[in-house]
PDB file of N, CA and C in Angstrom:
ATOM      1  N   MET A   1       3.995 -23.630 -85.261  1.00  0.00           N
ATOM      2  CA  MET A   1       3.755 -22.200 -85.130  1.00  0.00           C
ATOM      3  C   MET A   1       3.982 -21.743 -83.691  1.00  0.00           C
ATOM      4  N   GLU A   2       3.482 -22.515 -82.705  1.00  0.00           N
ATOM      5  CA  GLU A   2       3.664 -22.139 -81.313  1.00  0.00           C
ATOM      6  C   GLU A   2       5.138 -22.145 -80.926  1.00  0.00           C
ATOM      7  N   ILE A   3       5.888 -23.084 -81.464  1.00  0.00           N
ATOM      8  CA  ILE A   3       7.311 -23.157 -81.147  1.00  0.00           C
ATOM      9  C   ILE A   3       8.027 -21.913 -81.661  1.00  0.00           C
ATOM     10  N   GLU A   4       7.666 -21.482 -82.862  1.00  0.00           N
ATOM     11  CA  GLU A   4       8.284 -20.275 -83.414  1.00  0.00           C
ATOM     12  C   GLU A   4       7.954 -19.051 -82.572  1.00  0.00           C
ATOM     13  N   MET A   5       6.723 -18.977 -82.088  1.00  0.00           N
ATOM     14  CA  MET A   5       6.329 -17.852 -81.239  1.00  0.00           C
ATOM     15  C   MET A   5       7.091 -17.879 -79.917  1.00  0.00           C
ATOM     16  N   LEU A   6       7.248 -19.074 -79.352  1.00  0.00           N
ATOM     17  CA  LEU A   6       8.002 -19.204 -78.119  1.00  0.00           C
ATOM     18  C   LEU A   6       9.460 -18.819 -78.332  1.00  0.00           C
ATOM     19  N   PHE A   7      10.018 -19.302 -79.424  1.00  0.00           N
ATOM     20  CA  PHE A   7      11.408 -18.970 -79.750  1.00  0.00           C
ATOM     21  C   PHE A   7      11.570 -17.458 -79.898  1.00  0.00           C
ATOM     22  N   ALA A   8      10.665 -16.837 -80.620  1.00  0.00           N
ATOM     23  CA  ALA A   8      10.739 -15.391 -80.860  1.00  0.00           C
ATOM     24  C   ALA A   8      10.624 -14.601 -79.558  1.00  0.00           C
ATOM     25  N   LYS A   9       9.877 -15.137 -78.599  1.00  0.00           N
ATOM     26  CA  LYS A   9       9.737 -14.469 -77.305  1.00  0.00           C
ATOM     27  C   LYS A   9      11.096 -14.305 -76.626  1.00  0.00           C
ATOM     28  N   TYR A  10      11.943 -15.301 -76.769  1.00  0.00           N
ATOM     29  CA  TYR A  10      13.240 -15.274 -76.091  1.00  0.00           C
ATOM     30  C   TYR A  10      14.380 -14.788 -76.984  1.00  0.00           C
ATOM     31  N   ASP A  11      14.170 -14.772 -78.285  1.00  0.00           N
ATOM     32  CA  ASP A  11      15.191 -14.261 -79.213  1.00  0.00           C
ATOM     33  C   ASP A  11      15.074 -12.740 -79.257  1.00  0.00           C
ATOM     34  N   VAL A  12      15.484 -12.103 -78.188  1.00  0.00           N
ATOM     35  CA  VAL A  12      15.289 -10.661 -78.001  1.00  0.00           C
ATOM     36  C   VAL A  12      15.959  -9.846 -79.093  1.00  0.00           C
ATOM     37  N   ASP A  13      17.152 -10.238 -79.504  1.00  0.00           N
ATOM     38  CA  ASP A  13      17.866  -9.448 -80.511  1.00  0.00           C
ATOM     39  C   ASP A  13      17.450  -9.796 -81.941  1.00  0.00           C
ATOM     40  N   GLY A  14      16.590 -10.816 -82.099  1.00  0.00           N
ATOM     41  CA  GLY A  14      16.046 -11.148 -83.411  1.00  0.00           C
ATOM     42  C   GLY A  14      17.013 -11.777 -84.389  1.00  0.00           C
ATOM     43  N   ASN A  15      18.107 -12.335 -83.895  1.00  0.00           N
ATOM     44  CA  ASN A  15      19.093 -12.918 -84.810  1.00  0.00           C
ATOM     45  C   ASN A  15      18.827 -14.403 -85.109  1.00  0.00           C
ATOM     46  N   ARG A  16      17.668 -14.901 -84.682  1.00  0.00           N
ATOM     47  CA  ARG A  16      17.255 -16.289 -84.926  1.00  0.00           C
ATOM     48  C   ARG A  16      18.197 -17.299 -84.253  1.00  0.00           C
ATOM     49  N   GLU A  17      18.812 -16.850 -83.165  1.00  0.00           N
ATOM     50  CA  GLU A  17      19.695 -17.718 -82.390  1.00  0.00           C
ATOM     51  C   GLU A  17      19.590 -17.300 -80.931  1.00  0.00           C
ATOM     52  N   LEU A  18      19.416 -18.276 -80.048  1.00  0.00           N
ATOM     53  CA  LEU A  18      19.355 -17.951 -78.634  1.00  0.00           C
ATOM     54  C   LEU A  18      20.766 -17.942 -78.061  1.00  0.00           C
ATOM     55  N   ASP A  19      21.180 -16.765 -77.613  1.00  0.00           N
ATOM     56  CA  ASP A  19      22.495 -16.686 -76.979  1.00  0.00           C
ATOM     57  C   ASP A  19      22.368 -17.122 -75.517  1.00  0.00           C
ATOM     58  N   GLU A  20      23.461 -17.096 -74.799  1.00  0.00           N
ATOM     59  CA  GLU A  20      23.466 -17.601 -73.418  1.00  0.00           C
ATOM     60  C   GLU A  20      22.478 -16.859 -72.527  1.00  0.00           C
ATOM     61  N   LYS A  21      22.438 -15.544 -72.634  1.00  0.00           N
ATOM     62  CA  LYS A  21      21.537 -14.741 -71.806  1.00  0.00           C
ATOM     63  C   LYS A  21      20.071 -15.055 -72.127  1.00  0.00           C
ATOM     64  N   GLU A  22      19.753 -15.184 -73.402  1.00  0.00           N
ATOM     65  CA  GLU A  22      18.377 -15.485 -73.809  1.00  0.00           C
ATOM     66  C   GLU A  22      17.970 -16.879 -73.329  1.00  0.00           C
ATOM     67  N   MET A  23      18.905 -17.834 -73.413  1.00  0.00           N
ATOM     68  CA  MET A  23      18.613 -19.185 -72.948  1.00  0.00           C
ATOM     69  C   MET A  23      18.425 -19.218 -71.435  1.00  0.00           C
ATOM     70  N   GLN A  24      19.222 -18.457 -70.709  1.00  0.00           N
ATOM     71  CA  GLN A  24      19.076 -18.398 -69.264  1.00  0.00           C
ATOM     72  C   GLN A  24      17.708 -17.855 -68.880  1.00  0.00           C
ATOM     73  N   GLN A  25      17.243 -16.844 -69.605  1.00  0.00           N
ATOM     74  CA  GLN A  25      15.924 -16.278 -69.334  1.00  0.00           C
ATOM     75  C   GLN A  25      14.829 -17.310 -69.610  1.00  0.00           C
ATOM     76  N   MET A  26      14.962 -18.022 -70.721  1.00  0.00           N
ATOM     77  CA  MET A  26      13.980 -19.048 -71.063  1.00  0.00           C
ATOM     78  C   MET A  26      13.957 -20.132 -69.987  1.00  0.00           C
ATOM     79  N   PHE A  27      15.134 -20.607 -69.570  1.00  0.00           N
ATOM     80  CA  PHE A  27      15.197 -21.646 -68.547  1.00  0.00           C
ATOM     81  C   PHE A  27      14.629 -21.150 -67.222  1.00  0.00           C
ATOM     82  N   ALA A  28      14.900 -19.908 -66.868  1.00  0.00           N
ATOM     83  CA  ALA A  28      14.369 -19.346 -65.624  1.00  0.00           C
ATOM     84  C   ALA A  28      12.846 -19.286 -65.680  1.00  0.00           C
ATOM     85  N   ASP A  29      12.295 -18.853 -66.811  1.00  0.00           N
ATOM     86  CA  ASP A  29      10.835 -18.798 -66.968  1.00  0.00           C
ATOM     87  C   ASP A  29      10.222 -20.192 -66.898  1.00  0.00           C
ATOM     88  N   LEU A  30      10.857 -21.145 -67.568  1.00  0.00           N
ATOM     89  CA  LEU A  30      10.338 -22.519 -67.554  1.00  0.00           C
ATOM     90  C   LEU A  30      10.410 -23.122 -66.151  1.00  0.00           C
ATOM     91  N   GLU A  31      11.477 -22.851 -65.442  1.00  0.00           N
ATOM     92  CA  GLU A  31      11.601 -23.348 -64.064  1.00  0.00           C
ATOM     93  C   GLU A  31      10.515 -22.739 -63.178  1.00  0.00           C
ATOM     94  N   GLY A  32      10.225 -21.456 -63.370  1.00  0.00           N
ATOM     95  CA  GLY A  32       9.146 -20.806 -62.625  1.00  0.00           C
ATOM     96  C   GLY A  32       7.800 -21.448 -62.908  1.00  0.00           C
ATOM     97  N   GLN A  33       7.540 -21.752 -64.178  1.00  0.00           N
ATOM     98  CA  GLN A  33       6.294 -22.419 -64.538  1.00  0.00           C
ATOM     99  C   GLN A  33       6.225 -23.816 -63.926  1.00  0.00           C
ATOM    100  N   LYS A  34       7.360 -24.514 -63.921  1.00  0.00           N
ATOM    101  CA  LYS A  34       7.415 -25.851 -63.331  1.00  0.00           C
ATOM    102  C   LYS A  34       7.099 -25.785 -61.840  1.00  0.00           C
ATOM    103  N   LEU A  35       7.672 -24.808 -61.141  1.00  0.00           N
ATOM    104  CA  LEU A  35       7.414 -24.669 -59.710  1.00  0.00           C
ATOM    105  C   LEU A  35       5.946 -24.361 -59.437  1.00  0.00           C
ATOM    106  N   GLN A  36       5.334 -23.525 -60.279  1.00  0.00           N
ATOM    107  CA  GLN A  36       3.914 -23.221 -60.122  1.00  0.00           C
ATOM    108  C   GLN A  36       3.068 -24.477 -60.314  1.00  0.00           C
ATOM    109  N   LEU A  37       3.396 -25.264 -61.329  1.00  0.00           N
ATOM    110  CA  LEU A  37       2.657 -26.502 -61.566  1.00  0.00           C
ATOM    111  C   LEU A  37       2.852 -27.487 -60.418  1.00  0.00           C
ATOM    112  N   ASP A  38       4.077 -27.580 -59.909  1.00  0.00           N
ATOM    113  CA  ASP A  38       4.333 -28.452 -58.759  1.00  0.00           C
ATOM    114  C   ASP A  38       3.484 -28.037 -57.566  1.00  0.00           C
ATOM    115  N   ASP A  39       3.387 -26.727 -57.315  1.00  0.00           N
ATOM    116  CA  ASP A  39       2.566 -26.223 -56.212  1.00  0.00           C
ATOM    117  C   ASP A  39       1.099 -26.576 -56.419  1.00  0.00           C
ATOM    118  N   GLU A  40       0.605 -26.404 -57.636  1.00  0.00           N
ATOM    119  CA  GLU A  40      -0.786 -26.740 -57.935  1.00  0.00           C
ATOM    120  C   GLU A  40      -1.053 -28.223 -57.705  1.00  0.00           C
ATOM    121  N   ILE A  41      -0.129 -29.068 -58.159  1.00  0.00           N
ATOM    122  CA  ILE A  41      -0.279 -30.517 -57.980  1.00  0.00           C
ATOM    123  C   ILE A  41      -0.287 -30.861 -56.498  1.00  0.00           C
ATOM    124  N   ASN A  42       0.639 -30.291 -55.737  1.00  0.00           N
ATOM    125  CA  ASN A  42       0.691 -30.553 -54.299  1.00  0.00           C
ATOM    126  C   ASN A  42      -0.577 -30.096 -53.596  1.00  0.00           C
ATOM    127  N   ASN A  43      -1.100 -28.938 -53.983  1.00  0.00           N
ATOM    128  CA  ASN A  43      -2.347 -28.441 -53.391  1.00  0.00           C
ATOM    129  C   ASN A  43      -3.509 -29.378 -53.700  1.00  0.00           C
ATOM    130  N   GLN A  44      -3.581 -29.834 -54.940  1.00  0.00           N
ATOM    131  CA  GLN A  44      -4.654 -30.764 -55.322  1.00  0.00           C
ATOM    132  C   GLN A  44      -4.537 -32.071 -54.550  1.00  0.00           C
ATOM    133  N   GLN A  45      -3.325 -32.585 -54.423  1.00  0.00           N
ATOM    134  CA  GLN A  45      -3.122 -33.829 -53.691  1.00  0.00           C
ATOM    135  C   GLN A  45      -3.488 -33.669 -52.221  1.00  0.00           C
ATOM    136  N   SER A  46      -3.171 -32.524 -51.651  1.00  0.00           N
ATOM    137  CA  SER A  46      -3.530 -32.263 -50.251  1.00  0.00           C
ATOM    138  C   SER A  46      -5.043 -32.216 -50.078  1.00  0.00           C
ATOM    139  N   MET A  47      -5.723 -31.570 -51.028  1.00  0.00           N
ATOM    140  CA  MET A  47      -7.180 -31.495 -50.959  1.00  0.00           C
ATOM    141  C   MET A  47      -7.798 -32.883 -51.082  1.00  0.00           C
ATOM    142  N   ILE A  48      -7.271 -33.683 -51.986  1.00  0.00           N
ATOM    143  CA  ILE A  48      -7.792 -35.045 -52.169  1.00  0.00           C
ATOM    144  C   ILE A  48      -7.561 -35.856 -50.909  1.00  0.00           C
ATOM    145  N   ALA A  49      -6.376 -35.743 -50.316  1.00  0.00           N
ATOM    146  CA  ALA A  49      -6.054 -36.501 -49.107  1.00  0.00           C
ATOM    147  C   ALA A  49      -6.966 -36.090 -47.954  1.00  0.00           C
ATOM    148  N   SER A  50      -7.231 -34.795 -47.807  1.00  0.00           N
ATOM    149  CA  SER A  50      -8.087 -34.355 -46.703  1.00  0.00           C
ATOM    150  C   SER A  50      -9.533 -34.766 -46.949  1.00  0.00           C
ATOM    151  N   ASP A  51      -9.969 -34.758 -48.204  1.00  0.00           N
ATOM    152  CA  ASP A  51     -11.326 -35.206 -48.521  1.00  0.00           C
ATOM    153  C   ASP A  51     -11.473 -36.701 -48.284  1.00  0.00           C
ATOM    154  N   ALA A  52     -10.430 -37.463 -48.577  1.00  0.00           N
ATOM    155  CA  ALA A  52     -10.487 -38.917 -48.417  1.00  0.00           C
ATOM    156  C   ALA A  52     -10.555 -39.308 -46.952  1.00  0.00           C
ATOM    157  N   SER A  53     -10.072 -38.453 -46.064  1.00  0.00           N
ATOM    158  CA  SER A  53     -10.087 -38.789 -44.646  1.00  0.00           C
ATOM    159  C   SER A  53     -11.456 -38.546 -44.013  1.00  0.00           C
ATOM    160  N   ARG A  54     -12.339 -37.847 -44.701  1.00  0.00           N
ATOM    161  CA  ARG A  54     -13.691 -37.596 -44.182  1.00  0.00           C
ATOM    162  C   ARG A  54     -14.639 -38.690 -44.650  1.00  0.00           C
ATOM    163  N   PRO A  55     -15.444 -39.190 -43.756  1.00  0.00           N
ATOM    164  CA  PRO A  55     -16.413 -40.208 -44.185  1.00  0.00           C
ATOM    165  C   PRO A  55     -17.506 -39.580 -45.044  1.00  0.00           C
ATOM    166  N   PRO A  56     -17.899 -40.252 -46.110  1.00  0.00           N
ATOM    167  CA  PRO A  56     -18.976 -39.712 -46.951  1.00  0.00           C
ATOM    168  C   PRO A  56     -20.314 -39.782 -46.223  1.00  0.00           C
ATOM    169  N   THR A  57     -21.155 -38.831 -46.493  1.00  0.00           N
ATOM    170  CA  THR A  57     -22.500 -38.818 -45.928  1.00  0.00           C
ATOM    171  C   THR A  57     -23.498 -38.629 -47.046  1.00  0.00           C
ATOM    172  N   ALA A  58     -24.739 -38.954 -46.762  1.00  0.00           N
ATOM    173  CA  ALA A  58     -25.791 -38.757 -47.763  1.00  0.00           C
ATOM    174  C   ALA A  58     -25.905 -37.281 -48.121  1.00  0.00           C
ATOM    175  N   ALA A  59     -25.684 -36.400 -47.147  1.00  0.00           N
ATOM    176  CA  ALA A  59     -25.771 -34.958 -47.410  1.00  0.00           C
ATOM    177  C   ALA A  59     -24.686 -34.517 -48.379  1.00  0.00           C
ATOM    178  N   ALA A  60     -23.523 -35.155 -48.293  1.00  0.00           N
ATOM    179  CA  ALA A  60     -22.430 -34.793 -49.191  1.00  0.00           C
ATOM    180  C   ALA A  60     -22.783 -35.103 -50.628  1.00  0.00           C
ATOM    181  N   PHE A  61     -23.613 -36.103 -50.832  1.00  0.00           N
ATOM    182  CA  PHE A  61     -24.020 -36.471 -52.190  1.00  0.00           C
ATOM    183  C   PHE A  61     -25.305 -35.773 -52.599  1.00  0.00           C
ATOM    184  N   GLY A  62     -25.869 -34.989 -51.693  1.00  0.00           N
ATOM    185  CA  GLY A  62     -27.094 -34.268 -52.012  1.00  0.00           C
ATOM    186  C   GLY A  62     -28.303 -35.179 -52.081  1.00  0.00           C
ATOM    187  N   ARG A  63     -28.230 -36.292 -51.384  1.00  0.00           N
ATOM    188  CA  ARG A  63     -29.338 -37.237 -51.393  1.00  0.00           C
ATOM    189  C   ARG A  63     -29.819 -37.433 -49.968  1.00  0.00           C
ATOM    190  N   GLY A  64     -31.090 -37.460 -49.796  1.00  0.00           N
ATOM    191  CA  GLY A  64     -31.651 -37.648 -48.471  1.00  0.00           C
ATOM    192  C   GLY A  64     -31.984 -39.093 -48.167  1.00  0.00           C
ATOM    193  N   ASN A  65     -31.877 -39.986 -49.161  1.00  0.00           N
ATOM    194  CA  ASN A  65     -32.297 -41.361 -48.933  1.00  0.00           C
ATOM    195  C   ASN A  65     -31.162 -42.271 -48.476  1.00  0.00           C
ATOM    196  N   GLY A  66     -29.983 -41.711 -48.246  1.00  0.00           N
ATOM    197  CA  GLY A  66     -28.878 -42.495 -47.731  1.00  0.00           C
ATOM    198  C   GLY A  66     -28.128 -43.297 -48.769  1.00  0.00           C
ATOM    199  N   SER A  67     -28.524 -43.218 -50.024  1.00  0.00           N
ATOM    200  CA  SER A  67     -27.807 -43.979 -51.044  1.00  0.00           C
ATOM    201  C   SER A  67     -26.567 -43.209 -51.463  1.00  0.00           C
ATOM    202  N   GLY A  68     -25.515 -43.929 -51.821  1.00  0.00           N
ATOM    203  CA  GLY A  68     -24.266 -43.303 -52.234  1.00  0.00           C
ATOM    204  C   GLY A  68     -24.069 -43.394 -53.729  1.00  0.00           C
ATOM    205  N   VAL A  69     -22.867 -43.156 -54.147  1.00  0.00           N
ATOM    206  CA  VAL A  69     -22.501 -43.228 -55.554  1.00  0.00           C
ATOM    207  C   VAL A  69     -21.655 -44.481 -55.746  1.00  0.00           C
ATOM    208  N   PRO A  70     -22.060 -45.373 -56.656  1.00  0.00           N
ATOM    209  CA  PRO A  70     -21.255 -46.566 -56.901  1.00  0.00           C
ATOM    210  C   PRO A  70     -19.876 -46.188 -57.450  1.00  0.00           C
ATOM    211  N   ALA A  71     -18.862 -46.998 -57.139  1.00  0.00           N
ATOM    212  CA  ALA A  71     -17.486 -46.707 -57.539  1.00  0.00           C
ATOM    213  C   ALA A  71     -17.351 -46.536 -59.042  1.00  0.00           C
ATOM    214  N   ASP A  72     -18.005 -47.384 -59.833  1.00  0.00           N
ATOM    215  CA  ASP A  72     -17.865 -47.272 -61.290  1.00  0.00           C
ATOM    216  C   ASP A  72     -18.476 -45.974 -61.807  1.00  0.00           C
ATOM    217  N   GLU A  73     -19.561 -45.513 -61.189  1.00  0.00           N
ATOM    218  CA  GLU A  73     -20.155 -44.251 -61.587  1.00  0.00           C
ATOM    219  C   GLU A  73     -19.261 -43.084 -61.149  1.00  0.00           C
ATOM    220  N   PHE A  74     -18.698 -43.188 -59.953  1.00  0.00           N
ATOM    221  CA  PHE A  74     -17.794 -42.164 -59.456  1.00  0.00           C
ATOM    222  C   PHE A  74     -16.589 -41.997 -60.362  1.00  0.00           C
ATOM    223  N   ASN A  75     -16.011 -43.114 -60.822  1.00  0.00           N
ATOM    224  CA  ASN A  75     -14.836 -43.073 -61.685  1.00  0.00           C
ATOM    225  C   ASN A  75     -15.111 -42.379 -63.007  1.00  0.00           C
ATOM    226  N   VAL A  76     -16.329 -42.460 -63.488  1.00  0.00           N
ATOM    227  CA  VAL A  76     -16.696 -41.786 -64.734  1.00  0.00           C
ATOM    228  C   VAL A  76     -16.612 -40.277 -64.577  1.00  0.00           C
ATOM    229  N   TYR A  77     -16.977 -39.773 -63.410  1.00  0.00           N
ATOM    230  CA  TYR A  77     -17.027 -38.332 -63.188  1.00  0.00           C
ATOM    231  C   TYR A  77     -15.700 -37.757 -62.724  1.00  0.00           C
ATOM    232  N   VAL A  78     -14.793 -38.587 -62.281  1.00  0.00           N
ATOM    233  CA  VAL A  78     -13.509 -38.086 -61.767  1.00  0.00           C
ATOM    234  C   VAL A  78     -12.461 -38.069 -62.815  1.00  0.00           C
TER     235      VAL A  78
END
């Protein structure tokens, strides 16, 4: 059903066939979405890299007793 809706979005003339212009529009839209996703991924990776360079503190974990989060517990939440 979703594929039919996507197809109909680009089949502007309704002839159930994507002509060259309709396909170009679809490819341009998909490329734009790909670039947005690439930017989001790069931003997330940058945030992770900058967070990894900071040493963890008890305050960062919201604990005053100096205990941290074990790796296996951390992996469950990530």
